[in-house]
Amino acid sequence: MTVEIRYRWLLLLISLVVLVMIRDYPWIMAGYVAVVLAVALTYTILVPRRLIQNEAIFRREALRLLAQNDVEAMRRLTAQQWLLRNFGRADLVHEILALAATASGEHELACAEYRKAMGFAPPDDRARLQLNLAAQELKAGQFDNAEARYRAALNKPRHAHLARTGLARTLLARGDASREAVDLLRHLVENCTPSERESMKASLAEAERRLASG
């Protein structure tokens, strides 16, 4: 298990410990509190602005490298994101690492990075990350995990189509010759985009063949 330290909480803990240690020295404590307040004010004003700038630059550069399929450069870029990791969008750093692992075919590593990203992500992003994680679990052969995540996403209207697609493909990959897989794929064939239709039809034909032979 990997444990990540969020430095802002570590610094807060250290500050409290120091405060307890110097409580018997009023002048020293007053000076220390003044320094801590100055640092906190600087953090409140300057760090958020710097984080916004760093995040925008990081997103832009990471997407450029992803389009070029330059996995090693993406990893070097994420290794430089100390500020984001410890004071900002750590979920974004792990998501980029997951995308890099996906691009290089390292599906189990991608799963691990998506799980880390979900631990830091705001609630609005977790459903999307769940689906991305499920897709990598499917490719890694972790069918039970993938199925559970896709089923959990079925009741979210925004993600229901992707969840049905992923669930159908998971059942098919596992060799599940069930009526549910056939019904899911039929629904998808009727509601998918033209670019998806041929792939869906092929999957449906395979599911129907397995159901008939089972």
Protein backbone atom coordinates (compact mmCIF):
# COMPACT_ATOMS: atom_id res chain seq x y z
CA MET A 1 0.00 0.00 0.00
CA THR A 2 1.30 3.46 -0.91
CA VAL A 3 0.90 6.28 1.62
CA GLU A 4 1.03 9.83 0.28
CA ILE A 5 1.87 12.72 2.61
CA ARG A 6 -0.06 15.95 2.12
CA TYR A 7 2.50 18.48 3.30
CA ARG A 8 0.02 21.15 4.35
CA TRP A 9 -1.37 18.79 7.03
CA LEU A 10 2.12 17.74 8.10
CA LEU A 11 3.14 21.39 8.47
CA LEU A 12 0.01 22.12 10.49
CA LEU A 13 0.79 19.24 12.83
CA ILE A 14 4.40 20.38 13.26
CA SER A 15 3.21 23.94 13.99
CA LEU A 16 0.88 22.71 16.72
CA VAL A 17 3.62 20.58 18.29
CA VAL A 18 6.02 23.55 18.34
CA LEU A 19 3.31 25.74 19.84
CA VAL A 20 2.81 23.28 22.68
CA MET A 21 6.57 23.09 23.29
CA ILE A 22 6.99 26.89 23.63
CA ARG A 23 3.80 27.63 25.55
CA ASP A 24 5.83 28.57 28.65
CA TYR A 25 7.76 31.29 26.77
CA PRO A 26 5.26 34.07 25.96
CA TRP A 27 7.55 36.29 23.88
CA ILE A 28 8.86 33.42 21.81
CA MET A 29 5.34 32.12 21.35
CA ALA A 30 4.11 35.56 20.23
CA GLY A 31 6.88 35.79 17.65
CA TYR A 32 6.24 32.27 16.46
CA VAL A 33 2.50 32.92 16.08
CA ALA A 34 3.27 36.09 14.09
CA VAL A 35 5.51 34.13 11.72
CA VAL A 36 2.91 31.38 11.31
CA LEU A 37 0.19 33.95 10.57
CA ALA A 38 2.42 35.66 7.99
CA VAL A 39 3.10 32.33 6.30
CA ALA A 40 -0.60 31.43 6.39
CA LEU A 41 -1.52 34.79 4.83
CA THR A 42 1.07 34.32 2.10
CA TYR A 43 -0.24 30.82 1.45
CA THR A 44 -3.84 32.06 1.31
CA ILE A 45 -3.09 34.84 -1.17
CA LEU A 46 -0.21 33.64 -3.33
CA VAL A 47 -0.41 29.84 -3.44
CA PRO A 48 -3.94 29.57 -4.96
CA ARG A 49 -2.94 31.91 -7.79
CA ARG A 50 0.23 29.92 -8.43
CA LEU A 51 -1.74 26.66 -8.32
CA ILE A 52 -4.20 27.88 -10.94
CA GLN A 53 -1.34 28.86 -13.24
CA ASN A 54 0.53 25.58 -12.69
CA GLU A 55 -2.59 23.51 -13.25
CA ALA A 56 -3.38 25.25 -16.56
CA ILE A 57 0.20 24.81 -17.81
CA PHE A 58 0.32 21.20 -16.65
CA ARG A 59 -2.98 20.30 -18.34
CA ARG A 60 -1.94 21.88 -21.62
CA GLU A 61 1.51 20.27 -21.69
CA ALA A 62 0.22 16.85 -20.56
CA LEU A 63 -2.43 16.80 -23.30
CA ARG A 64 0.19 17.77 -25.90
CA LEU A 65 2.47 14.92 -24.81
CA LEU A 66 -0.45 12.50 -24.70
CA ALA A 67 -1.37 13.40 -28.29
CA GLN A 68 2.24 12.64 -29.23
CA ASN A 69 2.13 9.38 -27.23
CA ASP A 70 5.31 10.46 -25.43
CA VAL A 71 4.85 8.41 -22.26
CA GLU A 72 8.27 9.02 -20.73
CA ALA A 73 7.94 12.79 -21.18
CA MET A 74 4.52 12.64 -19.49
CA ARG A 75 6.06 10.84 -16.51
CA ARG A 76 8.89 13.35 -16.27
CA LEU A 77 6.34 16.16 -16.38
CA THR A 78 4.28 14.68 -13.54
CA ALA A 79 7.42 14.15 -11.44
CA GLN A 80 7.95 17.93 -11.50
CA GLN A 81 4.50 18.75 -10.06
CA TRP A 82 5.44 19.06 -6.38
CA LEU A 83 3.08 21.98 -5.79
CA LEU A 84 0.07 20.27 -7.34
CA ARG A 85 0.77 16.99 -5.57
CA ASN A 86 0.97 18.52 -2.11
CA PHE A 87 -1.20 21.63 -2.19
CA GLY A 88 -3.47 21.34 -5.24
CA ARG A 89 -5.03 18.88 -7.67
CA ALA A 90 -3.14 15.70 -6.80
CA ASP A 91 -5.94 13.79 -8.55
CA LEU A 92 -4.98 15.44 -11.84
CA VAL A 93 -1.35 14.32 -11.48
CA HIS A 94 -2.40 10.72 -10.86
CA GLU A 95 -4.92 10.81 -13.71
CA ILE A 96 -2.18 11.89 -16.14
CA LEU A 97 0.01 9.06 -14.84
CA ALA A 98 -2.90 6.68 -15.43
CA LEU A 99 -3.28 7.95 -19.00
CA ALA A 100 0.45 7.46 -19.54
CA ALA A 101 0.22 3.88 -18.26
CA THR A 102 -2.80 3.26 -20.50
CA ALA A 103 -0.91 4.55 -23.52
CA SER A 104 1.97 2.16 -22.80
CA GLY A 105 -0.35 -0.83 -22.23
CA GLU A 106 0.40 -1.04 -18.48
CA HIS A 107 -3.20 -1.61 -17.45
CA GLU A 108 -2.58 -2.72 -13.85
CA LEU A 109 -0.43 0.38 -13.25
CA ALA A 110 -3.18 2.51 -14.79
CA CYS A 111 -5.66 0.93 -12.35
CA ALA A 112 -3.42 1.82 -9.41
CA GLU A 113 -3.06 5.43 -10.56
CA TYR A 114 -6.81 5.84 -11.13
CA ARG A 115 -7.46 4.54 -7.61
CA LYS A 116 -5.05 7.13 -6.22
CA ALA A 117 -6.71 9.85 -8.31
CA MET A 118 -10.12 8.92 -6.91
CA GLY A 119 -8.79 9.37 -3.39
CA PHE A 120 -8.08 13.06 -4.08
CA ALA A 121 -10.69 13.91 -6.72
CA PRO A 122 -13.64 16.24 -6.05
CA PRO A 123 -17.04 14.44 -6.02
CA ASP A 124 -18.02 15.66 -9.51
CA ASP A 125 -15.01 13.92 -11.08
CA ARG A 126 -15.24 10.58 -9.28
CA ALA A 127 -17.90 9.00 -11.52
CA ARG A 128 -15.79 9.72 -14.62
CA LEU A 129 -12.69 8.31 -12.94
CA GLN A 130 -14.67 5.23 -11.89
CA LEU A 131 -15.52 4.53 -15.52
CA ASN A 132 -11.93 5.06 -16.63
CA LEU A 133 -10.78 2.71 -13.87
CA ALA A 134 -13.38 0.11 -14.87
CA ALA A 135 -12.14 0.24 -18.49
CA GLN A 136 -8.59 -0.47 -17.33
CA GLU A 137 -9.74 -3.24 -14.99
CA LEU A 138 -11.51 -4.83 -17.95
CA LYS A 139 -8.30 -4.72 -20.00
CA ALA A 140 -6.32 -6.07 -17.03
CA GLY A 141 -8.71 -9.04 -16.72
CA GLN A 142 -10.16 -7.84 -13.40
CA PHE A 143 -13.68 -8.63 -14.56
CA ASP A 144 -15.42 -8.67 -11.17
CA ASN A 145 -14.11 -5.23 -10.27
CA ALA A 146 -14.99 -3.82 -13.68
CA GLU A 147 -18.50 -5.27 -13.56
CA ALA A 148 -19.15 -3.84 -10.09
CA ARG A 149 -18.05 -0.36 -11.16
CA TYR A 150 -20.10 -0.40 -14.36
CA ARG A 151 -23.21 -1.57 -12.49
CA ALA A 152 -22.73 1.21 -9.93
CA ALA A 153 -22.65 3.76 -12.77
CA LEU A 154 -25.84 2.52 -14.45
CA ASN A 155 -28.04 4.75 -12.27
CA LYS A 156 -26.14 7.92 -13.20
CA PRO A 157 -27.87 9.35 -16.31
CA ARG A 158 -24.79 11.25 -17.45
CA HIS A 159 -22.70 8.06 -17.55
CA ALA A 160 -25.35 5.40 -18.21
CA HIS A 161 -24.48 4.84 -21.89
CA LEU A 162 -20.79 4.28 -21.18
CA ALA A 163 -21.69 2.08 -18.21
CA ARG A 164 -23.97 -0.14 -20.34
CA THR A 165 -21.29 -0.39 -23.04
CA GLY A 166 -18.63 -1.30 -20.50
CA LEU A 167 -20.84 -3.79 -18.68
CA ALA A 168 -21.80 -5.53 -21.92
CA ARG A 169 -18.15 -5.80 -22.99
CA THR A 170 -17.16 -7.05 -19.54
CA LEU A 171 -19.77 -9.80 -19.63
CA LEU A 172 -18.68 -10.71 -23.16
CA ALA A 173 -14.97 -10.75 -22.25
CA ARG A 174 -15.66 -13.02 -19.30
CA GLY A 175 -17.52 -15.44 -21.56
CA ASP A 176 -20.87 -14.75 -19.92
CA ALA A 177 -23.47 -16.32 -22.25
CA SER A 178 -26.38 -14.55 -20.58
CA ARG A 179 -29.59 -12.98 -21.76
CA GLU A 180 -28.53 -9.80 -19.92
CA ALA A 181 -25.45 -9.38 -22.14
CA VAL A 182 -27.54 -9.84 -25.30
CA ASP A 183 -30.21 -7.39 -24.13
CA LEU A 184 -27.60 -4.80 -23.19
CA LEU A 185 -25.92 -5.05 -26.57
CA ARG A 186 -29.21 -4.85 -28.45
CA HIS A 187 -30.05 -1.67 -26.57
CA LEU A 188 -26.62 -0.26 -27.40
CA VAL A 189 -26.92 -1.11 -31.11
CA GLU A 190 -30.21 0.79 -31.22
CA ASN A 191 -28.87 3.83 -29.36
CA CYS A 192 -25.19 4.09 -30.27
CA THR A 193 -23.57 6.56 -32.64
CA PRO A 194 -22.94 5.54 -36.28
CA SER A 195 -19.21 5.25 -35.59
CA GLU A 196 -19.87 2.70 -32.82
CA ARG A 197 -22.54 0.66 -34.59
CA GLU A 198 -20.37 -1.85 -36.47
CA SER A 199 -18.39 -2.70 -33.35
CA MET A 200 -21.59 -3.07 -31.33
CA LYS A 201 -23.17 -5.30 -33.97
CA ALA A 202 -20.13 -7.58 -33.96
CA SER A 203 -20.27 -7.81 -30.16
CA LEU A 204 -24.01 -8.52 -30.29
CA ALA A 205 -23.52 -11.30 -32.84
CA GLU A 206 -20.86 -12.89 -30.62
CA ALA A 207 -23.11 -12.66 -27.54
CA GLU A 208 -26.06 -14.21 -29.42
CA ARG A 209 -23.83 -17.00 -30.69
CA ARG A 210 -22.67 -17.82 -27.17
CA LEU A 211 -26.20 -17.70 -25.79
CA ALA A 212 -27.46 -20.03 -28.52
CA SER A 213 -24.60 -22.49 -27.99
CA GLY A 214 -24.83 -22.36 -24.21
